[in-house]
Amino acid sequence: MKGGYVRLTEPLVRDNGVLRKATWDEALDRAASGFRAAVDAHGPRSFGMFSCSKATNEVNYLAQKFTRSVIGSNNVDSCNRT
């Protein structure tokens, strides 16, 4: 363990305040459900995406495309200006 950090090798989900191992499908389904619930309750403008300038152009493109096309929000930013 370098620097006190442990790299996760499988997804974790929280049930009743306790983290447990899950499949990738379950974890991604939960994330998608959480996004959809927030957008349904508060509208697409309640969602924002912040991407990283250290990510590739392709990853940043996918982040903004997902936010605009799937979620329906134009709230996309990154720290590319710094």
PDB file of N, CA and C in Angstrom:
ATOM      1  N   MET A   1       0.848  -1.170   0.000  1.00  0.00           N
ATOM      2  CA  MET A   1       0.000   0.000   0.000  1.00  0.00           C
ATOM      3  C   MET A   1       0.892   1.230   0.000  1.00  0.00           C
ATOM      4  N   LYS A   2       0.890   1.952  -1.102  1.00  0.00           N
ATOM      5  CA  LYS A   2       1.738   3.122  -1.262  1.00  0.00           C
ATOM      6  C   LYS A   2       0.981   4.386  -0.866  1.00  0.00           C
ATOM      7  N   GLY A   3       1.528   5.174   0.031  1.00  0.00           N
ATOM      8  CA  GLY A   3       0.919   6.438   0.401  1.00  0.00           C
ATOM      9  C   GLY A   3      -0.365   6.300   1.190  1.00  0.00           C
ATOM     10  N   GLY A   4      -0.680   5.128   1.693  1.00  0.00           N
ATOM     11  CA  GLY A   4      -1.879   4.948   2.484  1.00  0.00           C
ATOM     12  C   GLY A   4      -3.154   4.787   1.674  1.00  0.00           C
ATOM     13  N   TYR A   5      -3.042   4.700   0.349  1.00  0.00           N
ATOM     14  CA  TYR A   5      -4.228   4.568  -0.491  1.00  0.00           C
ATOM     15  C   TYR A   5      -4.352   3.153  -1.016  1.00  0.00           C
ATOM     16  N   VAL A   6      -5.581   2.704  -1.176  1.00  0.00           N
ATOM     17  CA  VAL A   6      -5.852   1.391  -1.733  1.00  0.00           C
ATOM     18  C   VAL A   6      -6.684   1.584  -2.992  1.00  0.00           C
ATOM     19  N   ARG A   7      -6.269   0.988  -4.081  1.00  0.00           N
ATOM     20  CA  ARG A   7      -7.023   1.086  -5.330  1.00  0.00           C
ATOM     21  C   ARG A   7      -8.156   0.065  -5.299  1.00  0.00           C
ATOM     22  N   LEU A   8      -9.365   0.548  -5.590  1.00  0.00           N
ATOM     23  CA  LEU A   8     -10.506  -0.362  -5.655  1.00  0.00           C
ATOM     24  C   LEU A   8     -10.425  -1.166  -6.942  1.00  0.00           C
ATOM     25  N   THR A   9     -10.699  -2.451  -6.851  1.00  0.00           N
ATOM     26  CA  THR A   9     -10.656  -3.311  -8.025  1.00  0.00           C
ATOM     27  C   THR A   9     -12.031  -3.810  -8.416  1.00  0.00           C
ATOM     28  N   GLU A  10     -13.022  -3.551  -7.581  1.00  0.00           N
ATOM     29  CA  GLU A  10     -14.398  -3.910  -7.894  1.00  0.00           C
ATOM     30  C   GLU A  10     -15.322  -2.872  -7.278  1.00  0.00           C
ATOM     31  N   PRO A  11     -16.495  -2.697  -7.857  1.00  0.00           N
ATOM     32  CA  PRO A  11     -17.381  -1.641  -7.363  1.00  0.00           C
ATOM     33  C   PRO A  11     -17.961  -1.965  -5.996  1.00  0.00           C
ATOM     34  N   LEU A  12     -18.282  -0.895  -5.285  1.00  0.00           N
ATOM     35  CA  LEU A  12     -18.948  -1.002  -3.993  1.00  0.00           C
ATOM     36  C   LEU A  12     -20.253  -0.218  -4.068  1.00  0.00           C
ATOM     37  N   VAL A  13     -21.291  -0.727  -3.412  1.00  0.00           N
ATOM     38  CA  VAL A  13     -22.556  -0.008  -3.300  1.00  0.00           C
ATOM     39  C   VAL A  13     -22.905   0.076  -1.825  1.00  0.00           C
ATOM     40  N   ARG A  14     -23.703   1.073  -1.488  1.00  0.00           N
ATOM     41  CA  ARG A  14     -24.075   1.284  -0.093  1.00  0.00           C
ATOM     42  C   ARG A  14     -25.493   0.785   0.134  1.00  0.00           C
ATOM     43  N   ASP A  15     -25.656  -0.139   1.090  1.00  0.00           N
ATOM     44  CA  ASP A  15     -26.960  -0.640   1.523  1.00  0.00           C
ATOM     45  C   ASP A  15     -27.108  -0.346   3.009  1.00  0.00           C
ATOM     46  N   ASN A  16     -28.106   0.456   3.349  1.00  0.00           N
ATOM     47  CA  ASN A  16     -28.351   0.815   4.753  1.00  0.00           C
ATOM     48  C   ASN A  16     -27.101   1.367   5.429  1.00  0.00           C
ATOM     49  N   GLY A  17     -26.352   2.195   4.696  1.00  0.00           N
ATOM     50  CA  GLY A  17     -25.172   2.843   5.253  1.00  0.00           C
ATOM     51  C   GLY A  17     -23.911   2.007   5.253  1.00  0.00           C
ATOM     52  N   VAL A  18     -23.980   0.791   4.731  1.00  0.00           N
ATOM     53  CA  VAL A  18     -22.823  -0.111   4.743  1.00  0.00           C
ATOM     54  C   VAL A  18     -22.413  -0.414   3.301  1.00  0.00           C
ATOM     55  N   LEU A  19     -21.113  -0.264   3.013  1.00  0.00           N
ATOM     56  CA  LEU A  19     -20.612  -0.592   1.684  1.00  0.00           C
ATOM     57  C   LEU A  19     -20.454  -2.097   1.533  1.00  0.00           C
ATOM     58  N   ARG A  20     -20.839  -2.576   0.356  1.00  0.00           N
ATOM     59  CA  ARG A  20     -20.647  -3.997   0.041  1.00  0.00           C
ATOM     60  C   ARG A  20     -20.218  -4.123  -1.418  1.00  0.00           C
ATOM     61  N   LYS A  21     -19.573  -5.226  -1.728  1.00  0.00           N
ATOM     62  CA  LYS A  21     -19.150  -5.484  -3.100  1.00  0.00           C
ATOM     63  C   LYS A  21     -20.369  -5.718  -3.977  1.00  0.00           C
ATOM     64  N   ALA A  22     -20.252  -5.285  -5.226  1.00  0.00           N
ATOM     65  CA  ALA A  22     -21.347  -5.439  -6.184  1.00  0.00           C
ATOM     66  C   ALA A  22     -20.776  -5.763  -7.550  1.00  0.00           C
ATOM     67  N   THR A  23     -21.653  -6.171  -8.438  1.00  0.00           N
ATOM     68  CA  THR A  23     -21.223  -6.377  -9.823  1.00  0.00           C
ATOM     69  C   THR A  23     -21.178  -5.012 -10.503  1.00  0.00           C
ATOM     70  N   TRP A  24     -20.472  -4.939 -11.626  1.00  0.00           N
ATOM     71  CA  TRP A  24     -20.422  -3.692 -12.384  1.00  0.00           C
ATOM     72  C   TRP A  24     -21.807  -3.303 -12.876  1.00  0.00           C
ATOM     73  N   ASP A  25     -22.586  -4.289 -13.305  1.00  0.00           N
ATOM     74  CA  ASP A  25     -23.941  -3.986 -13.778  1.00  0.00           C
ATOM     75  C   ASP A  25     -24.792  -3.356 -12.682  1.00  0.00           C
ATOM     76  N   GLU A  26     -24.730  -3.907 -11.488  1.00  0.00           N
ATOM     77  CA  GLU A  26     -25.507  -3.347 -10.383  1.00  0.00           C
ATOM     78  C   GLU A  26     -25.052  -1.926 -10.048  1.00  0.00           C
ATOM     79  N   ALA A  27     -23.749  -1.720  -9.966  1.00  0.00           N
ATOM     80  CA  ALA A  27     -23.224  -0.396  -9.616  1.00  0.00           C
ATOM     81  C   ALA A  27     -23.590   0.640 -10.675  1.00  0.00           C
ATOM     82  N   LEU A  28     -23.457   0.298 -11.950  1.00  0.00           N
ATOM     83  CA  LEU A  28     -23.804   1.225 -13.021  1.00  0.00           C
ATOM     84  C   LEU A  28     -25.305   1.487 -13.069  1.00  0.00           C
ATOM     85  N   ASP A  29     -26.115   0.456 -12.819  1.00  0.00           N
ATOM     86  CA  ASP A  29     -27.567   0.641 -12.766  1.00  0.00           C
ATOM     87  C   ASP A  29     -27.954   1.591 -11.637  1.00  0.00           C
ATOM     88  N   ARG A  30     -27.299   1.464 -10.495  1.00  0.00           N
ATOM     89  CA  ARG A  30     -27.587   2.363  -9.373  1.00  0.00           C
ATOM     90  C   ARG A  30     -27.189   3.801  -9.695  1.00  0.00           C
ATOM     91  N   ALA A  31     -26.048   3.969 -10.325  1.00  0.00           N
ATOM     92  CA  ALA A  31     -25.613   5.321 -10.697  1.00  0.00           C
ATOM     93  C   ALA A  31     -26.601   5.933 -11.690  1.00  0.00           C
ATOM     94  N   ALA A  32     -26.984   5.164 -12.694  1.00  0.00           N
ATOM     95  CA  ALA A  32     -27.937   5.656 -13.690  1.00  0.00           C
ATOM     96  C   ALA A  32     -29.279   5.985 -13.045  1.00  0.00           C
ATOM     97  N   SER A  33     -29.729   5.159 -12.127  1.00  0.00           N
ATOM     98  CA  SER A  33     -30.992   5.414 -11.429  1.00  0.00           C
ATOM     99  C   SER A  33     -30.915   6.686 -10.598  1.00  0.00           C
ATOM    100  N   GLY A  34     -29.778   6.909  -9.972  1.00  0.00           N
ATOM    101  CA  GLY A  34     -29.594   8.132  -9.192  1.00  0.00           C
ATOM    102  C   GLY A  34     -29.612   9.377 -10.062  1.00  0.00           C
ATOM    103  N   PHE A  35     -28.934   9.324 -11.201  1.00  0.00           N
ATOM    104  CA  PHE A  35     -28.964  10.446 -12.143  1.00  0.00           C
ATOM    105  C   PHE A  35     -30.392  10.703 -12.608  1.00  0.00           C
ATOM    106  N   ARG A  36     -31.095   9.632 -13.008  1.00  0.00           N
ATOM    107  CA  ARG A  36     -32.450   9.778 -13.532  1.00  0.00           C
ATOM    108  C   ARG A  36     -33.392  10.319 -12.462  1.00  0.00           C
ATOM    109  N   ALA A  37     -33.276   9.847 -11.225  1.00  0.00           N
ATOM    110  CA  ALA A  37     -34.146  10.327 -10.148  1.00  0.00           C
ATOM    111  C   ALA A  37     -33.935  11.817  -9.899  1.00  0.00           C
ATOM    112  N   ALA A  38     -32.686  12.267  -9.912  1.00  0.00           N
ATOM    113  CA  ALA A  38     -32.391  13.690  -9.691  1.00  0.00           C
ATOM    114  C   ALA A  38     -32.941  14.539 -10.829  1.00  0.00           C
ATOM    115  N   VAL A  39     -32.761  14.079 -12.059  1.00  0.00           N
ATOM    116  CA  VAL A  39     -33.256  14.834 -13.214  1.00  0.00           C
ATOM    117  C   VAL A  39     -34.786  14.844 -13.227  1.00  0.00           C
ATOM    118  N   ASP A  40     -35.411  13.717 -12.909  1.00  0.00           N
ATOM    119  CA  ASP A  40     -36.871  13.665 -12.867  1.00  0.00           C
ATOM    120  C   ASP A  40     -37.432  14.576 -11.783  1.00  0.00           C
ATOM    121  N   ALA A  41     -36.756  14.638 -10.648  1.00  0.00           N
ATOM    122  CA  ALA A  41     -37.249  15.442  -9.530  1.00  0.00           C
ATOM    123  C   ALA A  41     -36.977  16.934  -9.702  1.00  0.00           C
ATOM    124  N   HIS A  42     -35.835  17.282 -10.302  1.00  0.00           N
ATOM    125  CA  HIS A  42     -35.405  18.682 -10.312  1.00  0.00           C
ATOM    126  C   HIS A  42     -35.130  19.249 -11.699  1.00  0.00           C
ATOM    127  N   GLY A  43     -35.268  18.439 -12.735  1.00  0.00           N
ATOM    128  CA  GLY A  43     -35.032  18.902 -14.094  1.00  0.00           C
ATOM    129  C   GLY A  43     -33.583  18.725 -14.519  1.00  0.00           C
ATOM    130  N   PRO A  44     -33.325  18.731 -15.828  1.00  0.00           N
ATOM    131  CA  PRO A  44     -31.969  18.482 -16.335  1.00  0.00           C
ATOM    132  C   PRO A  44     -30.960  19.561 -15.943  1.00  0.00           C
ATOM    133  N   ARG A  45     -31.430  20.789 -15.691  1.00  0.00           N
ATOM    134  CA  ARG A  45     -30.493  21.843 -15.306  1.00  0.00           C
ATOM    135  C   ARG A  45     -29.914  21.623 -13.913  1.00  0.00           C
ATOM    136  N   SER A  46     -30.468  20.675 -13.157  1.00  0.00           N
ATOM    137  CA  SER A  46     -29.930  20.375 -11.829  1.00  0.00           C
ATOM    138  C   SER A  46     -28.672  19.513 -11.916  1.00  0.00           C
ATOM    139  N   PHE A  47     -28.369  19.003 -13.106  1.00  0.00           N
ATOM    140  CA  PHE A  47     -27.217  18.126 -13.314  1.00  0.00           C
ATOM    141  C   PHE A  47     -26.085  18.921 -13.944  1.00  0.00           C
ATOM    142  N   GLY A  48     -24.883  18.695 -13.470  1.00  0.00           N
ATOM    143  CA  GLY A  48     -23.713  19.321 -14.065  1.00  0.00           C
ATOM    144  C   GLY A  48     -22.577  18.319 -14.155  1.00  0.00           C
ATOM    145  N   MET A  49     -21.704  18.517 -15.119  1.00  0.00           N
ATOM    146  CA  MET A  49     -20.543  17.638 -15.313  1.00  0.00           C
ATOM    147  C   MET A  49     -19.289  18.492 -15.283  1.00  0.00           C
ATOM    148  N   PHE A  50     -18.334  18.081 -14.486  1.00  0.00           N
ATOM    149  CA  PHE A  50     -17.033  18.735 -14.449  1.00  0.00           C
ATOM    150  C   PHE A  50     -16.013  17.698 -14.860  1.00  0.00           C
ATOM    151  N   SER A  51     -15.310  17.946 -15.951  1.00  0.00           N
ATOM    152  CA  SER A  51     -14.309  17.000 -16.429  1.00  0.00           C
ATOM    153  C   SER A  51     -12.917  17.557 -16.155  1.00  0.00           C
ATOM    154  N   CYS A  52     -11.943  16.714 -16.320  1.00  0.00           N
ATOM    155  CA  CYS A  52     -10.570  17.044 -15.931  1.00  0.00           C
ATOM    156  C   CYS A  52      -9.714  17.382 -17.149  1.00  0.00           C
ATOM    157  N   SER A  53      -8.889  18.392 -17.013  1.00  0.00           N
ATOM    158  CA  SER A  53      -8.009  18.775 -18.110  1.00  0.00           C
ATOM    159  C   SER A  53      -6.922  17.728 -18.367  1.00  0.00           C
ATOM    160  N   LYS A  54      -6.687  16.856 -17.412  1.00  0.00           N
ATOM    161  CA  LYS A  54      -5.680  15.807 -17.604  1.00  0.00           C
ATOM    162  C   LYS A  54      -6.234  14.600 -18.344  1.00  0.00           C
ATOM    163  N   ALA A  55      -7.554  14.572 -18.527  1.00  0.00           N
ATOM    164  CA  ALA A  55      -8.165  13.492 -19.300  1.00  0.00           C
ATOM    165  C   ALA A  55      -7.905  13.743 -20.786  1.00  0.00           C
ATOM    166  N   THR A  56      -8.087  12.713 -21.565  1.00  0.00           N
ATOM    167  CA  THR A  56      -7.883  12.867 -23.010  1.00  0.00           C
ATOM    168  C   THR A  56      -9.016  13.699 -23.620  1.00  0.00           C
ATOM    169  N   ASN A  57      -8.771  14.227 -24.802  1.00  0.00           N
ATOM    170  CA  ASN A  57      -9.823  14.956 -25.518  1.00  0.00           C
ATOM    171  C   ASN A  57     -11.049  14.075 -25.727  1.00  0.00           C
ATOM    172  N   GLU A  58     -10.817  12.798 -25.994  1.00  0.00           N
ATOM    173  CA  GLU A  58     -11.917  11.881 -26.234  1.00  0.00           C
ATOM    174  C   GLU A  58     -12.780  11.696 -24.986  1.00  0.00           C
ATOM    175  N   VAL A  59     -12.157  11.576 -23.828  1.00  0.00           N
ATOM    176  CA  VAL A  59     -12.905  11.426 -22.575  1.00  0.00           C
ATOM    177  C   VAL A  59     -13.689  12.696 -22.276  1.00  0.00           C
ATOM    178  N   ASN A  60     -13.066  13.855 -22.458  1.00  0.00           N
ATOM    179  CA  ASN A  60     -13.771  15.115 -22.240  1.00  0.00           C
ATOM    180  C   ASN A  60     -14.927  15.281 -23.223  1.00  0.00           C
ATOM    181  N   TYR A  61     -14.738  14.857 -24.464  1.00  0.00           N
ATOM    182  CA  TYR A  61     -15.809  14.917 -25.451  1.00  0.00           C
ATOM    183  C   TYR A  61     -16.979  14.032 -25.018  1.00  0.00           C
ATOM    184  N   LEU A  62     -16.681  12.817 -24.586  1.00  0.00           N
ATOM    185  CA  LEU A  62     -17.741  11.908 -24.141  1.00  0.00           C
ATOM    186  C   LEU A  62     -18.478  12.459 -22.924  1.00  0.00           C
ATOM    187  N   ALA A  63     -17.767  13.104 -22.011  1.00  0.00           N
ATOM    188  CA  ALA A  63     -18.409  13.692 -20.825  1.00  0.00           C
ATOM    189  C   ALA A  63     -19.415  14.757 -21.239  1.00  0.00           C
ATOM    190  N   GLN A  64     -19.010  15.656 -22.137  1.00  0.00           N
ATOM    191  CA  GLN A  64     -19.941  16.709 -22.549  1.00  0.00           C
ATOM    192  C   GLN A  64     -21.062  16.145 -23.412  1.00  0.00           C
ATOM    193  N   LYS A  65     -20.771  15.151 -24.237  1.00  0.00           N
ATOM    194  CA  LYS A  65     -21.804  14.554 -25.081  1.00  0.00           C
ATOM    195  C   LYS A  65     -22.848  13.847 -24.224  1.00  0.00           C
ATOM    196  N   PHE A  66     -22.410  13.115 -23.221  1.00  0.00           N
ATOM    197  CA  PHE A  66     -23.332  12.446 -22.292  1.00  0.00           C
ATOM    198  C   PHE A  66     -24.213  13.469 -21.585  1.00  0.00           C
ATOM    199  N   THR A  67     -23.590  14.520 -21.062  1.00  0.00           N
ATOM    200  CA  THR A  67     -24.336  15.523 -20.305  1.00  0.00           C
ATOM    201  C   THR A  67     -25.366  16.218 -21.177  1.00  0.00           C
ATOM    202  N   ARG A  68     -24.984  16.554 -22.392  1.00  0.00           N
ATOM    203  CA  ARG A  68     -25.905  17.280 -23.273  1.00  0.00           C
ATOM    204  C   ARG A  68     -26.950  16.375 -23.906  1.00  0.00           C
ATOM    205  N   SER A  69     -26.544  15.211 -24.396  1.00  0.00           N
ATOM    206  CA  SER A  69     -27.455  14.342 -25.147  1.00  0.00           C
ATOM    207  C   SER A  69     -28.322  13.452 -24.259  1.00  0.00           C
ATOM    208  N   VAL A  70     -27.724  12.868 -23.250  1.00  0.00           N
ATOM    209  CA  VAL A  70     -28.453  11.916 -22.402  1.00  0.00           C
ATOM    210  C   VAL A  70     -29.210  12.638 -21.292  1.00  0.00           C
ATOM    211  N   ILE A  71     -28.520  13.519 -20.585  1.00  0.00           N
ATOM    212  CA  ILE A  71     -29.138  14.211 -19.456  1.00  0.00           C
ATOM    213  C   ILE A  71     -29.981  15.390 -19.928  1.00  0.00           C
ATOM    214  N   GLY A  72     -29.520  16.095 -20.941  1.00  0.00           N
ATOM    215  CA  GLY A  72     -30.239  17.264 -21.442  1.00  0.00           C
ATOM    216  C   GLY A  72     -29.814  18.562 -20.787  1.00  0.00           C
ATOM    217  N   SER A  73     -28.592  18.595 -20.271  1.00  0.00           N
ATOM    218  CA  SER A  73     -28.079  19.778 -19.585  1.00  0.00           C
ATOM    219  C   SER A  73     -26.880  20.343 -20.338  1.00  0.00           C
ATOM    220  N   ASN A  74     -26.753  21.653 -20.337  1.00  0.00           N
ATOM    221  CA  ASN A  74     -25.562  22.290 -20.899  1.00  0.00           C
ATOM    222  C   ASN A  74     -24.557  22.660 -19.812  1.00  0.00           C
ATOM    223  N   ASN A  75     -24.779  22.187 -18.600  1.00  0.00           N
ATOM    224  CA  ASN A  75     -23.898  22.508 -17.480  1.00  0.00           C
ATOM    225  C   ASN A  75     -22.663  21.605 -17.507  1.00  0.00           C
ATOM    226  N   VAL A  76     -21.714  21.971 -18.368  1.00  0.00           N
ATOM    227  CA  VAL A  76     -20.490  21.204 -18.537  1.00  0.00           C
ATOM    228  C   VAL A  76     -19.312  22.171 -18.415  1.00  0.00           C
ATOM    229  N   ASP A  77     -18.305  21.790 -17.646  1.00  0.00           N
ATOM    230  CA  ASP A  77     -17.124  22.640 -17.509  1.00  0.00           C
ATOM    231  C   ASP A  77     -15.923  21.750 -17.234  1.00  0.00           C
ATOM    232  N   SER A  78     -14.765  22.326 -17.348  1.00  0.00           N
ATOM    233  CA  SER A  78     -13.517  21.637 -17.005  1.00  0.00           C
ATOM    234  C   SER A  78     -12.517  22.676 -16.573  1.00  0.00           C
ATOM    235  N   CYS A  79     -11.402  22.218 -16.083  1.00  0.00           N
ATOM    236  CA  CYS A  79     -10.371  23.138 -15.611  1.00  0.00           C
ATOM    237  C   CYS A  79      -9.316  23.363 -16.681  1.00  0.00           C
ATOM    238  N   ASN A  80      -9.685  23.294 -17.946  1.00  0.00           N
ATOM    239  CA  ASN A  80      -8.736  23.460 -19.038  1.00  0.00           C
ATOM    240  C   ASN A  80      -8.111  24.850 -19.099  1.00  0.00           C
ATOM    241  N   ARG A  81      -8.760  25.844 -18.518  1.00  0.00           N
ATOM    242  CA  ARG A  81      -8.274  27.207 -18.587  1.00  0.00           C
ATOM    243  C   ARG A  81      -7.095  27.477 -17.657  1.00  0.00           C
ATOM    244  N   THR A  82      -6.880  26.628 -16.674  1.00  0.00           N
ATOM    245  CA  THR A  82      -5.846  26.915 -15.671  1.00  0.00           C
ATOM    246  C   THR A  82      -4.489  26.470 -16.107  1.00  0.00           C
TER     247      THR A  82
END
